[in-house]
Amino acid sequence: MLFFGLKHLYLFLMKKRHEQKLIVLAIVLVATFNIPLILLFDSQQSIWGFPAVYFYVFSIWLSSILISYFILKRHYE
């Protein structure tokens, strides 16, 4: 069947938009986990008792999990 209807086309476009958001998130993560950028935070400073580099890596990781959760949550509504 070639014609699925407007509702199915709308769901396909929504899915494509959310896939694009996840691809952009992946590209941003590759850029933020790049070694020269991580080495900017490699110092003796500590944030809440954690070294700055650990705080940077785990905060970026946690934020990426939350962003992808909200993107996928909106997709399945």
Foldseek 3Di string as FASTA:
>chain_A
DPDDDPVVVVLVVLVVVLVVVLVVLVVVVCVCPDVVNLVVQPDPDDDPNHRRSVVSVVVSVVVSVVVNVVSVVVSVD
